[in-house]
Amino acid sequence: MKYSPREIGKMGEEIAVKFLLSGKFKILNRNFSCPLGEIDIVTRKNNHIIFFEVKTRTSNKFGHPLESITENKKKHILRSCYYYLGKHNLFDNPYRVDAIGINLNPEGKFQILTHVKNILYQLR
């Protein structure tokens, strides 16, 4: 079966949420949209706010899913995070931006999950 990019993204986000819940993250928001962009998943763990960018692919033909997070994309993510923190009065909380890369096989079955912390500093 051929999946649309939107369906692939949705499948990846569902896998990411299950992973985060199993790691004791509390999901605060999903697909938070603002004038500056979108945040895939917003969580809280140990009084930290952690924003997640989730990238899902069914092939490594164009590289690992996380390779699609460019410097420009990171700037948009950070601006959206600041917007979220301000809107919810959370600037007093420590925060970071993480990424989750999901590899599915062409039939949409889960293969690999990669969690990278602090992508604003590690994926350069």
N, C-alpha and C. Protein backbone atom coordinates (compact mmCIF):
# COMPACT_ATOMS: atom_id res chain seq x y z
N MET A 1 0.84 -1.19 0.00
CA MET A 1 0.00 0.00 0.00
C MET A 1 0.88 1.24 0.00
N LYS A 2 0.50 2.22 -0.78
CA LYS A 2 1.23 3.49 -0.87
C LYS A 2 0.57 4.49 0.07
N TYR A 3 1.38 5.11 0.92
CA TYR A 3 0.88 6.10 1.86
C TYR A 3 1.26 7.50 1.40
N SER A 4 0.40 8.46 1.68
CA SER A 4 0.71 9.86 1.36
C SER A 4 1.71 10.37 2.39
N PRO A 5 2.45 11.44 2.07
CA PRO A 5 3.37 12.02 3.05
C PRO A 5 2.65 12.40 4.36
N ARG A 6 1.44 12.89 4.25
CA ARG A 6 0.67 13.26 5.45
C ARG A 6 0.39 12.03 6.32
N GLU A 7 0.00 10.92 5.67
CA GLU A 7 -0.27 9.69 6.42
C GLU A 7 1.00 9.15 7.08
N ILE A 8 2.10 9.22 6.37
CA ILE A 8 3.39 8.77 6.92
C ILE A 8 3.75 9.61 8.13
N GLY A 9 3.58 10.93 8.03
CA GLY A 9 3.86 11.82 9.15
C GLY A 9 2.99 11.51 10.35
N LYS A 10 1.72 11.25 10.12
CA LYS A 10 0.78 10.93 11.20
C LYS A 10 1.17 9.62 11.88
N MET A 11 1.56 8.61 11.08
CA MET A 11 1.99 7.33 11.66
C MET A 11 3.23 7.54 12.54
N GLY A 12 4.17 8.35 12.04
CA GLY A 12 5.38 8.62 12.81
C GLY A 12 5.09 9.34 14.11
N GLU A 13 4.19 10.31 14.08
CA GLU A 13 3.85 11.03 15.30
C GLU A 13 3.17 10.12 16.32
N GLU A 14 2.34 9.19 15.86
CA GLU A 14 1.70 8.23 16.79
C GLU A 14 2.76 7.36 17.46
N ILE A 15 3.74 6.90 16.70
CA ILE A 15 4.83 6.10 17.26
C ILE A 15 5.62 6.94 18.26
N ALA A 16 5.90 8.19 17.92
CA ALA A 16 6.66 9.07 18.81
C ALA A 16 5.91 9.30 20.12
N VAL A 17 4.60 9.51 20.05
CA VAL A 17 3.81 9.73 21.27
C VAL A 17 3.87 8.50 22.17
N LYS A 18 3.73 7.31 21.60
CA LYS A 18 3.82 6.08 22.41
C LYS A 18 5.19 5.97 23.07
N PHE A 19 6.24 6.29 22.32
CA PHE A 19 7.60 6.27 22.86
C PHE A 19 7.73 7.25 24.03
N LEU A 20 7.22 8.45 23.84
CA LEU A 20 7.33 9.48 24.89
C LEU A 20 6.54 9.11 26.13
N LEU A 21 5.33 8.61 25.96
CA LEU A 21 4.53 8.20 27.11
C LEU A 21 5.20 7.07 27.87
N SER A 22 5.85 6.15 27.17
CA SER A 22 6.55 5.06 27.85
C SER A 22 7.77 5.58 28.61
N GLY A 23 8.28 6.75 28.22
CA GLY A 23 9.41 7.37 28.90
C GLY A 23 8.99 8.38 29.95
N LYS A 24 7.72 8.34 30.33
CA LYS A 24 7.17 9.20 31.41
C LYS A 24 7.10 10.68 31.04
N PHE A 25 7.05 10.98 29.74
CA PHE A 25 6.80 12.35 29.31
C PHE A 25 5.30 12.59 29.40
N LYS A 26 4.91 13.79 29.81
CA LYS A 26 3.50 14.17 29.80
C LYS A 26 3.27 14.98 28.52
N ILE A 27 2.33 14.56 27.72
CA ILE A 27 2.02 15.28 26.48
C ILE A 27 1.16 16.49 26.82
N LEU A 28 1.66 17.68 26.49
CA LEU A 28 0.91 18.92 26.74
C LEU A 28 0.14 19.36 25.50
N ASN A 29 0.71 19.11 24.33
CA ASN A 29 0.08 19.57 23.10
C ASN A 29 0.64 18.80 21.92
N ARG A 30 -0.20 18.64 20.92
CA ARG A 30 0.23 18.02 19.66
C ARG A 30 -0.15 18.93 18.52
N ASN A 31 0.74 19.04 17.55
CA ASN A 31 0.50 19.87 16.36
C ASN A 31 0.07 21.28 16.74
N PHE A 32 0.84 21.89 17.64
CA PHE A 32 0.57 23.28 18.03
C PHE A 32 0.93 24.19 16.88
N SER A 33 -0.05 24.92 16.41
CA SER A 33 0.14 25.80 15.26
C SER A 33 0.05 27.25 15.71
N CYS A 34 0.94 28.08 15.19
CA CYS A 34 0.93 29.50 15.50
C CYS A 34 1.35 30.25 14.23
N PRO A 35 1.31 31.58 14.24
CA PRO A 35 1.69 32.32 13.04
C PRO A 35 3.13 32.06 12.58
N LEU A 36 3.96 31.54 13.48
CA LEU A 36 5.38 31.33 13.15
C LEU A 36 5.71 29.92 12.69
N GLY A 37 4.74 29.01 12.80
CA GLY A 37 4.98 27.63 12.39
C GLY A 37 4.21 26.65 13.24
N GLU A 38 4.72 25.42 13.27
CA GLU A 38 4.05 24.36 14.02
C GLU A 38 5.07 23.59 14.85
N ILE A 39 4.63 23.15 16.02
CA ILE A 39 5.43 22.27 16.87
C ILE A 39 4.71 20.93 16.90
N ASP A 40 5.41 19.87 16.56
CA ASP A 40 4.77 18.56 16.46
C ASP A 40 4.23 18.08 17.81
N ILE A 41 5.09 18.07 18.82
CA ILE A 41 4.69 17.57 20.14
C ILE A 41 5.33 18.44 21.21
N VAL A 42 4.54 18.83 22.21
CA VAL A 42 5.05 19.58 23.36
C VAL A 42 4.84 18.70 24.59
N THR A 43 5.92 18.51 25.37
CA THR A 43 5.84 17.64 26.55
C THR A 43 6.39 18.35 27.78
N ARG A 44 6.15 17.69 28.91
CA ARG A 44 6.75 18.11 30.18
C ARG A 44 7.32 16.86 30.83
N LYS A 45 8.53 17.01 31.36
CA LYS A 45 9.15 15.92 32.12
C LYS A 45 10.07 16.55 33.15
N ASN A 46 9.88 16.20 34.41
CA ASN A 46 10.70 16.74 35.50
C ASN A 46 10.77 18.26 35.45
N ASN A 47 9.64 18.89 35.26
CA ASN A 47 9.51 20.36 35.22
C ASN A 47 10.21 21.01 34.02
N HIS A 48 10.68 20.23 33.07
CA HIS A 48 11.24 20.75 31.83
C HIS A 48 10.17 20.69 30.74
N ILE A 49 10.15 21.71 29.91
CA ILE A 49 9.30 21.69 28.73
C ILE A 49 10.19 21.21 27.58
N ILE A 50 9.76 20.15 26.91
CA ILE A 50 10.54 19.62 25.80
C ILE A 50 9.67 19.64 24.55
N PHE A 51 10.16 20.35 23.54
CA PHE A 51 9.47 20.44 22.26
C PHE A 51 10.07 19.38 21.33
N PHE A 52 9.22 18.71 20.57
CA PHE A 52 9.70 17.67 19.67
C PHE A 52 9.34 17.96 18.22
N GLU A 53 10.34 17.82 17.37
CA GLU A 53 10.14 17.81 15.93
C GLU A 53 10.24 16.34 15.52
N VAL A 54 9.22 15.85 14.82
CA VAL A 54 9.19 14.44 14.42
C VAL A 54 9.29 14.36 12.90
N LYS A 55 10.23 13.57 12.43
CA LYS A 55 10.42 13.35 11.00
C LYS A 55 10.33 11.86 10.72
N THR A 56 9.54 11.49 9.73
CA THR A 56 9.31 10.09 9.41
C THR A 56 9.57 9.84 7.93
N ARG A 57 10.23 8.73 7.64
CA ARG A 57 10.50 8.34 6.25
C ARG A 57 10.30 6.84 6.09
N THR A 58 9.97 6.44 4.87
CA THR A 58 9.81 5.02 4.55
C THR A 58 11.01 4.50 3.76
N SER A 59 12.02 5.35 3.61
CA SER A 59 13.22 4.96 2.87
C SER A 59 14.35 5.91 3.27
N ASN A 60 15.57 5.43 3.17
CA ASN A 60 16.72 6.30 3.41
C ASN A 60 17.30 6.83 2.10
N LYS A 61 16.52 6.73 1.04
CA LYS A 61 16.96 7.19 -0.29
C LYS A 61 17.45 8.64 -0.24
N PHE A 62 16.76 9.46 0.57
CA PHE A 62 17.14 10.87 0.69
C PHE A 62 17.82 11.14 2.03
N GLY A 63 18.37 10.12 2.67
CA GLY A 63 19.06 10.28 3.94
C GLY A 63 18.17 9.94 5.13
N HIS A 64 18.77 10.03 6.30
CA HIS A 64 18.06 9.78 7.56
C HIS A 64 16.99 10.84 7.75
N PRO A 65 15.87 10.50 8.38
CA PRO A 65 14.81 11.49 8.58
C PRO A 65 15.28 12.79 9.24
N LEU A 66 16.20 12.69 10.19
CA LEU A 66 16.63 13.89 10.91
C LEU A 66 17.50 14.81 10.07
N GLU A 67 18.03 14.30 8.97
CA GLU A 67 18.84 15.14 8.09
C GLU A 67 18.00 16.23 7.41
N SER A 68 16.69 16.09 7.45
CA SER A 68 15.82 17.09 6.82
C SER A 68 15.59 18.32 7.71
N ILE A 69 16.15 18.29 8.93
CA ILE A 69 16.01 19.45 9.82
C ILE A 69 17.18 20.40 9.54
N THR A 70 16.93 21.38 8.72
CA THR A 70 17.96 22.34 8.30
C THR A 70 18.13 23.44 9.35
N GLU A 71 19.17 24.23 9.18
CA GLU A 71 19.37 25.39 10.07
C GLU A 71 18.16 26.32 10.00
N ASN A 72 17.63 26.54 8.81
CA ASN A 72 16.46 27.40 8.66
C ASN A 72 15.25 26.82 9.39
N LYS A 73 15.06 25.51 9.30
CA LYS A 73 13.95 24.84 9.99
C LYS A 73 14.11 24.99 11.50
N LYS A 74 15.35 24.87 11.99
CA LYS A 74 15.60 25.02 13.43
C LYS A 74 15.20 26.42 13.91
N LYS A 75 15.47 27.44 13.10
CA LYS A 75 15.09 28.81 13.47
C LYS A 75 13.59 28.94 13.58
N HIS A 76 12.86 28.35 12.65
CA HIS A 76 11.39 28.39 12.69
C HIS A 76 10.86 27.64 13.91
N ILE A 77 11.46 26.50 14.20
CA ILE A 77 11.04 25.72 15.37
C ILE A 77 11.25 26.55 16.64
N LEU A 78 12.42 27.17 16.77
CA LEU A 78 12.72 27.95 17.97
C LEU A 78 11.75 29.12 18.13
N ARG A 79 11.44 29.81 17.04
CA ARG A 79 10.48 30.92 17.11
C ARG A 79 9.11 30.43 17.57
N SER A 80 8.70 29.28 17.06
CA SER A 80 7.41 28.71 17.47
C SER A 80 7.44 28.31 18.94
N CYS A 81 8.57 27.81 19.41
CA CYS A 81 8.72 27.44 20.82
C CYS A 81 8.61 28.67 21.71
N TYR A 82 9.27 29.74 21.32
CA TYR A 82 9.17 30.99 22.10
C TYR A 82 7.72 31.47 22.15
N TYR A 83 7.03 31.36 21.03
CA TYR A 83 5.63 31.76 20.97
C TYR A 83 4.81 30.92 21.96
N TYR A 84 5.05 29.61 21.96
CA TYR A 84 4.33 28.71 22.86
C TYR A 84 4.63 29.05 24.32
N LEU A 85 5.90 29.22 24.64
CA LEU A 85 6.29 29.55 26.02
C LEU A 85 5.62 30.84 26.49
N GLY A 86 5.59 31.85 25.62
CA GLY A 86 4.95 33.11 25.98
C GLY A 86 3.46 32.97 26.13
N LYS A 87 2.83 32.29 25.22
CA LYS A 87 1.37 32.12 25.25
C LYS A 87 0.91 31.38 26.50
N HIS A 88 1.72 30.43 26.97
CA HIS A 88 1.35 29.61 28.12
C HIS A 88 2.09 30.03 29.40
N ASN A 89 2.75 31.19 29.35
CA ASN A 89 3.46 31.73 30.52
C ASN A 89 4.41 30.70 31.13
N LEU A 90 5.27 30.12 30.31
CA LEU A 90 6.17 29.06 30.74
C LEU A 90 7.65 29.42 30.64
N PHE A 91 7.96 30.70 30.45
CA PHE A 91 9.36 31.08 30.29
C PHE A 91 10.21 30.80 31.52
N ASP A 92 9.59 30.61 32.69
CA ASP A 92 10.34 30.30 33.90
C ASP A 92 10.78 28.83 33.94
N ASN A 93 10.22 28.01 33.07
CA ASN A 93 10.58 26.60 33.04
C ASN A 93 11.79 26.38 32.13
N PRO A 94 12.69 25.47 32.53
CA PRO A 94 13.75 25.10 31.59
C PRO A 94 13.12 24.39 30.39
N TYR A 95 13.70 24.58 29.22
CA TYR A 95 13.14 23.97 28.01
C TYR A 95 14.26 23.59 27.06
N ARG A 96 13.91 22.70 26.14
CA ARG A 96 14.85 22.33 25.08
C ARG A 96 14.03 21.84 23.89
N VAL A 97 14.72 21.67 22.77
CA VAL A 97 14.09 21.15 21.56
C VAL A 97 14.78 19.85 21.19
N ASP A 98 14.01 18.78 21.12
CA ASP A 98 14.51 17.46 20.72
C ASP A 98 13.92 17.08 19.37
N ALA A 99 14.48 16.05 18.79
CA ALA A 99 13.94 15.53 17.52
C ALA A 99 13.81 14.02 17.63
N ILE A 100 12.80 13.52 16.94
CA ILE A 100 12.62 12.08 16.83
C ILE A 100 12.54 11.75 15.34
N GLY A 101 13.42 10.85 14.93
CA GLY A 101 13.40 10.35 13.55
C GLY A 101 12.81 8.95 13.56
N ILE A 102 11.85 8.73 12.68
CA ILE A 102 11.18 7.43 12.60
C ILE A 102 11.43 6.85 11.21
N ASN A 103 11.90 5.62 11.18
CA ASN A 103 12.03 4.90 9.91
C ASN A 103 10.94 3.83 9.87
N LEU A 104 10.15 3.88 8.81
CA LEU A 104 9.15 2.85 8.55
C LEU A 104 9.58 2.09 7.31
N ASN A 105 9.12 0.85 7.16
CA ASN A 105 9.38 0.17 5.90
C ASN A 105 8.35 0.65 4.87
N PRO A 106 8.51 0.30 3.61
CA PRO A 106 7.57 0.80 2.59
C PRO A 106 6.10 0.43 2.84
N GLU A 107 5.87 -0.60 3.65
CA GLU A 107 4.49 -1.00 3.98
C GLU A 107 3.96 -0.24 5.20
N GLY A 108 4.76 0.67 5.75
CA GLY A 108 4.33 1.48 6.88
C GLY A 108 4.56 0.85 8.24
N LYS A 109 5.35 -0.20 8.29
CA LYS A 109 5.65 -0.87 9.57
C LYS A 109 6.87 -0.23 10.21
N PHE A 110 6.80 -0.06 11.52
CA PHE A 110 7.88 0.56 12.29
C PHE A 110 9.17 -0.24 12.19
N GLN A 111 10.29 0.48 12.01
CA GLN A 111 11.61 -0.15 11.99
C GLN A 111 12.51 0.42 13.08
N ILE A 112 12.78 1.74 13.01
CA ILE A 112 13.77 2.34 13.92
C ILE A 112 13.27 3.71 14.40
N LEU A 113 13.53 4.00 15.67
CA LEU A 113 13.25 5.33 16.24
C LEU A 113 14.57 5.88 16.76
N THR A 114 14.87 7.12 16.39
CA THR A 114 16.07 7.81 16.87
C THR A 114 15.65 9.06 17.61
N HIS A 115 16.07 9.21 18.87
CA HIS A 115 15.76 10.39 19.68
C HIS A 115 17.05 11.17 19.90
N VAL A 116 17.06 12.42 19.46
CA VAL A 116 18.22 13.29 19.64
C VAL A 116 17.80 14.46 20.52
N LYS A 117 18.53 14.66 21.61
CA LYS A 117 18.23 15.78 22.53
C LYS A 117 18.94 17.04 22.06
N ASN A 118 18.32 18.18 22.36
CA ASN A 118 18.92 19.50 22.09
C ASN A 118 19.36 19.67 20.64
N ILE A 119 18.46 19.49 19.72
CA ILE A 119 18.83 19.56 18.30
C ILE A 119 19.35 20.91 17.87
N LEU A 120 18.99 21.95 18.61
CA LEU A 120 19.45 23.28 18.22
C LEU A 120 20.97 23.38 18.32
N TYR A 121 21.57 22.49 19.10
CA TYR A 121 23.02 22.53 19.29
C TYR A 121 23.74 21.33 18.70
N GLN A 122 23.01 20.20 18.51
CA GLN A 122 23.68 18.98 18.07
C GLN A 122 23.59 18.71 16.59
N LEU A 123 22.56 19.18 15.92
CA LEU A 123 22.41 18.88 14.49
C LEU A 123 22.86 20.07 13.66
N ARG A 124 24.14 20.25 13.54
CA ARG A 124 24.65 21.40 12.80
C ARG A 124 25.29 20.96 11.52
